[in-house]
Amino acid sequence: MSRGASRSMPNPKSITVLSPVIGAAHSNSFDQGEPQEAAQLSHYLGQTLFSHLFEGSKQRKAWFTVFHEYPILFHAFSHASAVHKDVLLNKITYSNTGQALRHKGRSISLLKQFLANLDTANLEILLIVMVTLATHDLSDSRLYMGTPTGFQAHEAHAYWMDVYGRLDTIPEHLGAIARLVELAGGLDKVKLPGLANCLALTDLMILPSFPNILSYFLVRGKAPGRGFFTNIPGGLPTHTFSAFNGLATVDRCMTKYCGTHMKDDQYRRMMNTRNAMHYSVLALPSWSGLSQSERNGARQALYYEIARIAAVLYSCAVIYGLPPHRNWHIQLASQLESVIEKTTSLASDAPLLLLWALCVGALATFRSPNRKFFETRLAKLLLQQQDTLETAANTEAILEDFLWSPRACGESFAILWKEVHSKDPIDANF
């Protein structure tokens, strides 16, 4: 070609690339003349979702392989990526585009075809699609930050929790997941690496119903959680204390190691243990759900419920790092308040349990009108127990015998301590 000759440039609208779905390879999948959402979502899918959602190369390879084999997964994950982007942007933009909605519609259409031939369908692919659709629904209310707590989560910037903790779930899909798991023979029969764990974590985000398959590695310590053993008259059921002890051990471990330069394998094991212990506390039944042999007196019902609700609240906020959207922490604090109000003898019979529960409730309602109840009760308790609870330091040392991390709670506790000592306690019944 001569120096002066012009090279013919292709029309940008005619440039095409192959679909990333090998099983449906064709051109015009991402026409460069189309809006940039397609390219951006594809980049996000490959560079972020697959790179960070799965543990280890074995899981990533297995999921990347089935993603290329089944077009339904391409459509489901593309829609999920659009939802993820909206959460991170704190604005519904990508998931409402025609392209994202077409991906969702195509996923549902292909899903119906799978379900129509359930006898021959790949149940594990169905489970992936179903769990993706079940957990990727976003409403404007989910973008509202809610009332912040006074806790600082151990993993305050946990990427996947910031996303999945703010998404809505679809009950009908969750019910279908349970039935599909039953058809597959249970979680322990699921073969695709990482899928059983994914289903268990989804279960954990909502309300535990599957058996706990989440693994843990920490050796039980004698000291963590000892307040649940020594400061509750009549004690707690053995499995309840075991759950609290395990959670307190994880709490101390995360207090020490989160934010440090841990090896990937060590970090993964710690987080798996965290998930397992969080599950064990969420799965604790209410008092009415305990067997008769585990109930050893009417008073214990109140102690048990106070400990259980406060532990769930603390675990969700600090150990699991659930975002405060939809004000779940305010709802739990209201439940805690309701139980505390049912007894007039807590301050004399179980003062240290009451101390811990009031402090957890006060930090949970840090910027809420509900905080007044916990502050008022705490001020009166500190006055009654001033010989034992003389300083903030020895009071916090007692709190650490239950579930309490100075790193997660210290700053807000210092503010709380000053506030309850800055005014005369208002009379409150115990």
Protein backbone atom coordinates (compact mmCIF):
# COMPACT_ATOMS: atom_id res chain seq x y z
CA MET A 1 0.00 0.00 0.00
CA SER A 2 1.39 3.38 -0.91
CA ARG A 3 2.21 5.98 1.73
CA GLY A 4 -0.59 8.23 0.45
CA ALA A 5 -3.22 5.55 0.23
CA SER A 6 -5.90 5.48 2.90
CA ARG A 7 -6.62 2.32 4.88
CA SER A 8 -10.30 1.42 4.91
CA MET A 9 -11.59 1.58 8.52
CA PRO A 10 -14.41 -0.79 9.52
CA ASN A 11 -17.71 0.62 10.61
CA PRO A 12 -17.72 0.58 14.46
CA LYS A 13 -21.25 -0.78 14.43
CA SER A 14 -20.15 -3.84 12.48
CA ILE A 15 -17.33 -4.87 14.83
CA THR A 16 -18.38 -7.93 16.79
CA VAL A 17 -16.94 -10.35 19.28
CA LEU A 18 -17.88 -13.91 20.11
CA SER A 19 -20.26 -14.57 22.93
CA PRO A 20 -18.43 -15.67 26.09
CA VAL A 21 -20.79 -18.64 26.22
CA ILE A 22 -18.97 -21.35 24.29
CA GLY A 23 -22.12 -23.42 24.05
CA ALA A 24 -23.85 -20.57 22.20
CA ALA A 25 -21.04 -19.03 20.20
CA HIS A 26 -22.24 -16.46 17.73
CA SER A 27 -21.40 -12.95 16.61
CA ASN A 28 -23.15 -9.67 17.43
CA SER A 29 -23.23 -10.50 21.15
CA PHE A 30 -21.53 -7.27 22.12
CA ASP A 31 -21.93 -4.87 19.24
CA GLN A 32 -19.55 -1.97 19.83
CA GLY A 33 -22.17 0.41 18.55
CA GLU A 34 -24.38 -0.49 21.52
CA PRO A 35 -24.30 1.36 24.86
CA GLN A 36 -21.29 0.71 27.10
CA GLU A 37 -23.29 -1.20 29.73
CA ALA A 38 -22.65 -4.50 27.94
CA ALA A 39 -18.89 -4.12 27.94
CA GLN A 40 -18.81 -2.79 31.50
CA LEU A 41 -20.94 -5.62 32.85
CA SER A 42 -18.90 -8.24 31.01
CA HIS A 43 -15.72 -6.79 32.48
CA TYR A 44 -17.26 -6.76 35.96
CA LEU A 45 -18.42 -10.35 35.59
CA GLY A 46 -14.99 -11.66 34.63
CA GLN A 47 -12.68 -9.41 36.61
CA THR A 48 -14.63 -8.97 39.83
CA LEU A 49 -17.35 -11.53 40.36
CA PHE A 50 -15.45 -14.67 39.36
CA SER A 51 -12.21 -13.37 40.87
CA HIS A 52 -13.61 -12.67 44.34
CA LEU A 53 -16.75 -14.73 44.85
CA PHE A 54 -15.08 -18.13 44.95
CA GLU A 55 -12.41 -19.60 47.20
CA GLY A 56 -9.38 -21.04 45.46
CA SER A 57 -8.61 -21.91 41.87
CA LYS A 58 -10.51 -25.22 42.01
CA GLN A 59 -13.83 -23.49 42.67
CA ARG A 60 -13.20 -20.67 40.21
CA LYS A 61 -12.25 -23.14 37.47
CA ALA A 62 -15.31 -25.33 38.11
CA TRP A 63 -17.73 -22.40 38.05
CA PHE A 64 -16.05 -20.74 35.08
CA THR A 65 -16.37 -24.03 33.18
CA VAL A 66 -20.11 -24.47 33.78
CA PHE A 67 -20.61 -20.77 33.07
CA HIS A 68 -19.23 -21.37 29.57
CA GLU A 69 -21.27 -24.52 29.05
CA TYR A 70 -24.73 -23.26 30.02
CA PRO A 71 -26.19 -20.10 28.41
CA ILE A 72 -28.68 -19.84 31.28
CA LEU A 73 -25.79 -19.08 33.65
CA PHE A 74 -24.49 -16.34 31.38
CA HIS A 75 -27.87 -14.62 31.47
CA ALA A 76 -28.41 -15.11 35.22
CA PHE A 77 -24.93 -13.88 36.14
CA SER A 78 -25.15 -10.93 33.77
CA HIS A 79 -28.31 -9.75 35.50
CA ALA A 80 -26.71 -10.36 38.90
CA SER A 81 -23.73 -8.23 37.89
CA ALA A 82 -26.04 -5.37 36.96
CA VAL A 83 -27.64 -5.56 40.41
CA HIS A 84 -24.21 -5.64 42.07
CA LYS A 85 -23.16 -2.51 40.20
CA ASP A 86 -26.30 -0.68 41.32
CA VAL A 87 -25.66 -1.55 44.96
CA LEU A 88 -22.09 -0.30 44.75
CA LEU A 89 -23.24 2.90 43.02
CA ASN A 90 -26.10 3.25 45.54
CA LYS A 91 -28.40 4.00 42.63
CA ILE A 92 -30.66 1.81 40.51
CA THR A 93 -29.23 2.25 37.03
CA TYR A 94 -27.85 -0.89 35.43
CA SER A 95 -30.46 -3.39 36.62
CA ASN A 96 -33.27 -1.38 35.01
CA THR A 97 -31.71 -1.22 31.55
CA GLY A 98 -33.34 -3.13 28.74
CA GLN A 99 -30.29 -5.35 28.42
CA ALA A 100 -30.26 -6.38 32.09
CA LEU A 101 -34.00 -7.05 32.04
CA ARG A 102 -33.61 -9.15 28.89
CA HIS A 103 -30.95 -11.21 30.66
CA LYS A 104 -33.30 -11.75 33.59
CA GLY A 105 -36.21 -12.61 31.31
CA ARG A 106 -34.10 -15.05 29.32
CA SER A 107 -32.91 -16.68 32.56
CA ILE A 108 -36.49 -17.22 33.69
CA SER A 109 -37.52 -18.53 30.27
CA LEU A 110 -34.68 -21.07 30.19
CA LEU A 111 -35.37 -21.97 33.82
CA LYS A 112 -38.94 -22.90 32.93
CA GLN A 113 -37.60 -25.20 30.20
CA PHE A 114 -35.31 -26.89 32.74
CA LEU A 115 -38.14 -27.34 35.23
CA ALA A 116 -40.41 -28.80 32.54
CA ASN A 117 -37.83 -31.57 32.12
CA LEU A 118 -36.81 -31.95 35.75
CA ASP A 119 -36.13 -35.69 35.47
CA THR A 120 -33.25 -35.10 33.08
CA ALA A 121 -32.18 -31.62 34.19
CA ASN A 122 -28.86 -30.90 35.86
CA LEU A 123 -30.04 -30.09 39.40
CA GLU A 124 -26.83 -28.29 40.31
CA ILE A 125 -27.17 -25.87 37.40
CA LEU A 126 -30.77 -25.31 38.46
CA LEU A 127 -29.59 -24.57 42.00
CA ILE A 128 -27.05 -22.00 40.76
CA VAL A 129 -29.69 -20.22 38.70
CA MET A 130 -32.31 -20.39 41.44
CA VAL A 131 -30.02 -19.04 44.15
CA THR A 132 -28.90 -16.24 41.82
CA LEU A 133 -32.47 -15.21 41.02
CA ALA A 134 -33.57 -15.63 44.64
CA THR A 135 -30.96 -13.26 46.06
CA HIS A 136 -30.71 -10.59 43.36
CA ASP A 137 -33.76 -8.42 43.76
CA LEU A 138 -33.17 -4.75 44.52
CA SER A 139 -35.59 -2.09 45.70
CA ASP A 140 -35.07 1.61 46.39
CA SER A 141 -35.59 1.00 50.09
CA ARG A 142 -32.55 -1.28 50.15
CA LEU A 143 -30.38 1.63 49.06
CA TYR A 144 -31.45 3.57 52.16
CA MET A 145 -28.64 3.28 54.66
CA GLY A 146 -30.84 2.88 57.70
CA THR A 147 -29.92 4.02 61.21
CA PRO A 148 -26.23 3.31 61.89
CA THR A 149 -25.19 1.30 64.93
CA GLY A 150 -22.47 2.09 67.45
CA PHE A 151 -20.62 -1.11 66.56
CA GLN A 152 -17.60 -1.34 64.30
CA ALA A 153 -17.72 -4.66 62.42
CA HIS A 154 -14.50 -6.67 62.40
CA GLU A 155 -14.66 -6.68 58.61
CA ALA A 156 -16.23 -3.27 58.10
CA HIS A 157 -15.58 -3.20 54.37
CA ALA A 158 -16.37 -6.81 53.51
CA TYR A 159 -17.09 -6.49 49.81
CA TRP A 160 -19.55 -9.33 49.30
CA MET A 161 -21.45 -8.51 52.51
CA ASP A 162 -21.87 -4.89 51.42
CA VAL A 163 -23.57 -6.26 48.30
CA TYR A 164 -25.53 -9.30 49.46
CA GLY A 165 -26.47 -7.75 52.80
CA ARG A 166 -28.50 -5.12 50.94
CA LEU A 167 -30.37 -7.30 48.47
CA ASP A 168 -33.95 -8.47 48.73
CA THR A 169 -34.80 -12.15 48.53
CA ILE A 170 -37.72 -13.85 46.82
CA PRO A 171 -39.43 -16.36 49.18
CA GLU A 172 -40.83 -18.48 46.34
CA HIS A 173 -37.35 -19.03 44.91
CA LEU A 174 -35.98 -19.86 48.36
CA GLY A 175 -38.67 -22.49 48.76
CA ALA A 176 -37.75 -23.94 45.37
CA ILE A 177 -34.09 -24.11 46.44
CA ALA A 178 -35.04 -26.16 49.50
CA ARG A 179 -36.99 -28.60 47.32
CA LEU A 180 -34.15 -28.89 44.79
CA VAL A 181 -31.64 -29.58 47.57
CA GLU A 182 -33.97 -32.31 48.81
CA LEU A 183 -34.14 -33.80 45.30
CA ALA A 184 -30.34 -33.71 45.11
CA GLY A 185 -30.14 -35.74 48.33
CA GLY A 186 -29.03 -32.92 50.65
CA LEU A 187 -26.18 -30.43 50.70
CA ASP A 188 -23.59 -33.15 51.30
CA LYS A 189 -24.52 -34.72 47.92
CA VAL A 190 -23.84 -31.54 45.92
CA LYS A 191 -20.67 -32.14 43.87
CA LEU A 192 -19.84 -28.82 42.18
CA PRO A 193 -16.99 -27.33 44.26
CA GLY A 194 -18.25 -24.43 46.35
CA LEU A 195 -21.95 -24.81 45.53
CA ALA A 196 -22.95 -26.42 48.83
CA ASN A 197 -21.10 -23.68 50.69
CA CYS A 198 -22.81 -21.05 48.53
CA LEU A 199 -26.22 -22.51 49.37
CA ALA A 200 -25.33 -22.68 53.07
CA LEU A 201 -24.23 -19.04 53.08
CA THR A 202 -27.43 -18.02 51.32
CA ASP A 203 -29.35 -19.91 53.98
CA LEU A 204 -27.29 -18.09 56.62
CA MET A 205 -28.16 -14.68 55.18
CA ILE A 206 -31.87 -15.35 55.61
CA LEU A 207 -32.79 -17.82 58.34
CA PRO A 208 -30.88 -21.08 58.85
CA SER A 209 -32.89 -24.10 57.80
CA PHE A 210 -30.29 -26.41 56.23
CA PRO A 211 -28.00 -28.53 58.44
CA ASN A 212 -24.80 -26.68 59.36
CA ILE A 213 -22.11 -27.90 56.93
CA LEU A 214 -19.89 -24.84 57.43
CA SER A 215 -16.49 -25.94 58.70
CA TYR A 216 -14.42 -24.40 61.47
CA PHE A 217 -10.93 -24.86 62.83
CA LEU A 218 -10.59 -22.96 66.10
CA VAL A 219 -9.90 -24.87 69.29
CA ARG A 220 -12.35 -24.00 72.01
CA GLY A 221 -10.93 -21.70 74.65
CA LYS A 222 -11.96 -21.84 78.30
CA ALA A 223 -12.07 -18.09 78.87
CA PRO A 224 -14.13 -16.74 75.94
CA GLY A 225 -17.81 -16.49 76.81
CA ARG A 226 -17.34 -17.52 80.43
CA GLY A 227 -19.83 -14.87 81.54
CA PHE A 228 -22.61 -16.99 80.05
CA PHE A 229 -21.51 -19.81 82.35
CA THR A 230 -20.77 -17.93 85.57
CA ASN A 231 -23.22 -15.01 85.57
CA ILE A 232 -26.56 -16.55 84.61
CA PRO A 233 -28.44 -18.13 87.54
CA GLY A 234 -29.42 -21.68 86.70
CA GLY A 235 -27.18 -21.70 83.65
CA LEU A 236 -27.96 -22.22 79.98
CA PRO A 237 -28.57 -25.39 77.94
CA THR A 238 -25.27 -27.06 77.07
CA HIS A 239 -25.55 -26.55 73.31
CA THR A 240 -26.46 -22.89 73.86
CA PHE A 241 -23.39 -22.23 75.97
CA SER A 242 -21.29 -24.12 73.42
CA ALA A 243 -22.56 -21.82 70.65
CA PHE A 244 -21.81 -18.70 72.72
CA ASN A 245 -18.37 -20.00 73.66
CA GLY A 246 -17.54 -20.67 70.00
CA LEU A 247 -18.76 -17.26 68.93
CA ALA A 248 -16.78 -15.53 71.69
CA THR A 249 -13.66 -17.42 70.57
CA VAL A 250 -14.16 -16.24 66.99
CA ASP A 251 -14.78 -12.71 68.27
CA ARG A 252 -11.41 -12.67 70.01
CA CYS A 253 -9.67 -14.19 67.02
CA MET A 254 -11.12 -11.59 64.64
CA THR A 255 -10.31 -8.80 67.09
CA LYS A 256 -6.68 -9.90 67.01
CA TYR A 257 -6.19 -10.75 63.34
CA CYS A 258 -8.62 -8.74 61.19
CA GLY A 259 -6.76 -5.93 59.50
CA THR A 260 -3.42 -7.74 59.75
CA HIS A 261 -1.50 -9.35 56.91
CA MET A 262 -2.90 -12.86 57.10
CA LYS A 263 -2.15 -15.47 54.48
CA ASP A 264 -5.09 -16.16 52.18
CA ASP A 265 -5.55 -19.68 53.52
CA GLN A 266 -5.49 -18.50 57.14
CA TYR A 267 -7.97 -15.73 56.41
CA ARG A 268 -10.28 -18.12 54.57
CA ARG A 269 -10.24 -20.59 57.46
CA MET A 270 -11.00 -17.84 59.94
CA MET A 271 -13.92 -16.57 57.87
CA ASN A 272 -15.29 -20.08 57.37
CA THR A 273 -15.16 -20.53 61.13
CA ARG A 274 -16.90 -17.20 61.60
CA ASN A 275 -19.72 -18.31 59.30
CA ALA A 276 -20.11 -21.61 61.13
CA MET A 277 -20.25 -20.00 64.56
CA HIS A 278 -22.62 -17.27 63.39
CA TYR A 279 -24.86 -20.00 61.99
CA SER A 280 -24.86 -21.86 65.32
CA VAL A 281 -26.14 -18.77 67.15
CA LEU A 282 -28.76 -17.86 64.54
CA ALA A 283 -30.04 -21.43 64.66
CA LEU A 284 -30.66 -21.37 68.41
CA PRO A 285 -34.39 -21.89 69.02
CA SER A 286 -36.49 -19.57 71.13
CA TRP A 287 -37.32 -20.78 74.64
CA SER A 288 -40.54 -22.37 73.43
CA GLY A 289 -38.55 -24.38 70.89
CA LEU A 290 -36.33 -26.03 73.50
CA SER A 291 -37.05 -29.56 74.66
CA GLN A 292 -38.65 -30.00 78.07
CA SER A 293 -35.42 -31.41 79.49
CA GLU A 294 -33.60 -28.20 78.52
CA ARG A 295 -36.04 -25.97 80.35
CA ASN A 296 -35.16 -25.82 84.02
CA GLY A 297 -37.35 -23.05 85.38
CA ALA A 298 -39.54 -20.11 84.45
CA ARG A 299 -36.89 -17.53 85.32
CA GLN A 300 -34.44 -19.15 82.94
CA ALA A 301 -36.79 -18.40 80.05
CA LEU A 302 -36.07 -14.68 80.42
CA TYR A 303 -32.33 -15.15 80.91
CA TYR A 304 -32.17 -17.43 77.90
CA GLU A 305 -34.10 -15.08 75.61
CA ILE A 306 -32.11 -12.03 76.70
CA ALA A 307 -28.82 -13.83 76.06
CA ARG A 308 -29.99 -15.29 72.74
CA ILE A 309 -31.37 -12.04 71.27
CA ALA A 310 -28.40 -9.95 72.41
CA ALA A 311 -25.96 -12.54 71.02
CA VAL A 312 -27.73 -12.60 67.64
CA LEU A 313 -27.68 -8.80 67.55
CA TYR A 314 -23.97 -8.62 68.41
CA SER A 315 -23.03 -11.37 65.99
CA CYS A 316 -24.92 -9.82 63.07
CA ALA A 317 -23.43 -6.37 63.69
CA VAL A 318 -19.84 -7.14 64.72
CA ILE A 319 -18.88 -10.65 63.66
CA TYR A 320 -20.93 -10.98 60.47
CA GLY A 321 -20.91 -7.28 59.61
CA LEU A 322 -24.46 -7.11 58.27
CA PRO A 323 -25.22 -3.62 56.87
CA PRO A 324 -27.90 -1.71 58.84
CA HIS A 325 -30.33 -1.53 55.92
CA ARG A 326 -33.99 -2.08 56.75
CA ASN A 327 -33.06 -1.40 60.40
CA TRP A 328 -32.89 -5.07 61.39
CA HIS A 329 -30.83 -4.01 64.45
CA ILE A 330 -33.61 -1.71 65.64
CA GLN A 331 -36.08 -4.58 65.38
CA LEU A 332 -33.84 -6.91 67.38
CA ALA A 333 -33.22 -4.21 69.98
CA SER A 334 -37.00 -3.78 70.32
CA GLN A 335 -37.32 -7.52 70.95
CA LEU A 336 -34.57 -7.29 73.56
CA GLU A 337 -36.31 -4.35 75.24
CA SER A 338 -39.59 -6.27 75.32
CA VAL A 339 -38.02 -9.24 77.12
CA ILE A 340 -36.13 -7.07 79.63
CA GLU A 341 -39.36 -5.27 80.53
CA LYS A 342 -40.99 -8.57 81.51
CA THR A 343 -38.96 -8.98 84.70
CA THR A 344 -38.44 -6.86 87.79
CA SER A 345 -35.62 -8.91 89.32
CA LEU A 346 -32.88 -8.85 86.68
CA ALA A 347 -30.82 -6.16 88.40
CA SER A 348 -30.60 -8.20 91.60
CA ASP A 349 -30.60 -11.76 90.21
CA ALA A 350 -28.47 -11.40 87.06
CA PRO A 351 -26.94 -7.89 87.09
CA LEU A 352 -23.98 -8.67 84.84
CA LEU A 353 -26.13 -10.35 82.18
CA LEU A 354 -28.38 -7.28 82.30
CA LEU A 355 -25.33 -5.00 82.04
CA TRP A 356 -24.15 -6.73 78.87
CA ALA A 357 -27.61 -6.84 77.29
CA LEU A 358 -28.21 -3.13 78.00
CA CYS A 359 -24.85 -2.16 76.52
CA VAL A 360 -25.47 -4.23 73.38
CA GLY A 361 -28.92 -2.69 73.06
CA ALA A 362 -27.59 0.83 73.60
CA LEU A 363 -24.91 0.46 70.92
CA ALA A 364 -27.38 -1.11 68.51
CA THR A 365 -29.70 1.88 68.90
CA PHE A 366 -26.83 4.38 68.82
CA ARG A 367 -28.74 7.08 66.90
CA SER A 368 -32.29 5.93 67.53
CA PRO A 369 -34.97 7.09 69.99
CA ASN A 370 -35.02 3.47 71.24
CA ARG A 371 -31.66 4.17 72.89
CA LYS A 372 -33.33 6.05 75.77
CA PHE A 373 -34.69 2.82 77.27
CA PHE A 374 -31.26 1.18 77.40
CA GLU A 375 -29.50 4.32 78.68
CA THR A 376 -32.05 4.82 81.46
CA ARG A 377 -31.84 1.22 82.64
CA LEU A 378 -28.06 1.24 82.39
CA ALA A 379 -27.74 4.45 84.43
CA LYS A 380 -29.79 2.97 87.25
CA LEU A 381 -27.93 -0.35 87.14
CA LEU A 382 -24.55 1.39 87.34
CA LEU A 383 -25.77 3.33 90.36
CA GLN A 384 -26.98 0.15 92.09
CA GLN A 385 -23.77 -1.75 91.27
CA GLN A 386 -21.33 1.12 91.69
CA ASP A 387 -18.94 -0.89 93.85
CA THR A 388 -18.50 -3.46 91.06
CA LEU A 389 -18.97 -1.16 88.08
CA GLU A 390 -16.97 1.78 89.36
CA THR A 391 -14.96 2.61 86.23
CA ALA A 392 -15.39 2.23 82.50
CA ALA A 393 -12.34 -0.03 82.38
CA ASN A 394 -13.53 -2.62 84.89
CA THR A 395 -17.06 -2.47 83.45
CA GLU A 396 -15.76 -3.22 79.96
CA ALA A 397 -13.64 -6.05 81.38
CA ILE A 398 -16.86 -7.65 82.65
CA LEU A 399 -18.51 -7.15 79.25
CA GLU A 400 -15.61 -9.02 77.63
CA ASP A 401 -16.61 -12.10 79.62
CA PHE A 402 -19.69 -12.25 77.39
CA LEU A 403 -19.49 -11.12 73.74
CA TRP A 404 -17.60 -7.86 73.56
CA SER A 405 -14.65 -6.62 71.53
CA PRO A 406 -12.97 -3.37 72.67
CA ARG A 407 -11.94 -2.80 69.08
CA ALA A 408 -15.53 -3.09 67.83
CA CYS A 409 -17.28 -1.42 70.76
CA GLY A 410 -14.72 0.67 72.64
CA GLU A 411 -15.26 4.04 70.99
CA SER A 412 -19.04 3.95 71.24
CA PHE A 413 -18.90 2.51 74.76
CA ALA A 414 -16.78 5.47 75.89
CA ILE A 415 -19.46 7.82 74.56
CA LEU A 416 -22.19 5.76 76.22
CA TRP A 417 -20.34 5.80 79.56
CA LYS A 418 -20.08 9.60 79.51
CA GLU A 419 -23.72 10.00 78.54
CA VAL A 420 -25.13 7.82 81.31
CA HIS A 421 -22.94 9.60 83.88
CA SER A 422 -23.81 13.08 82.67
CA LYS A 423 -27.38 13.02 83.94
CA ASP A 424 -29.33 11.63 86.84
CA PRO A 425 -30.86 8.25 86.07
CA ILE A 426 -34.59 8.34 85.52
CA ASP A 427 -36.52 5.90 87.66
CA ALA A 428 -37.06 2.60 85.88
CA ASN A 429 -38.52 -0.67 87.07
CA PHE A 430 -36.34 -3.74 87.04
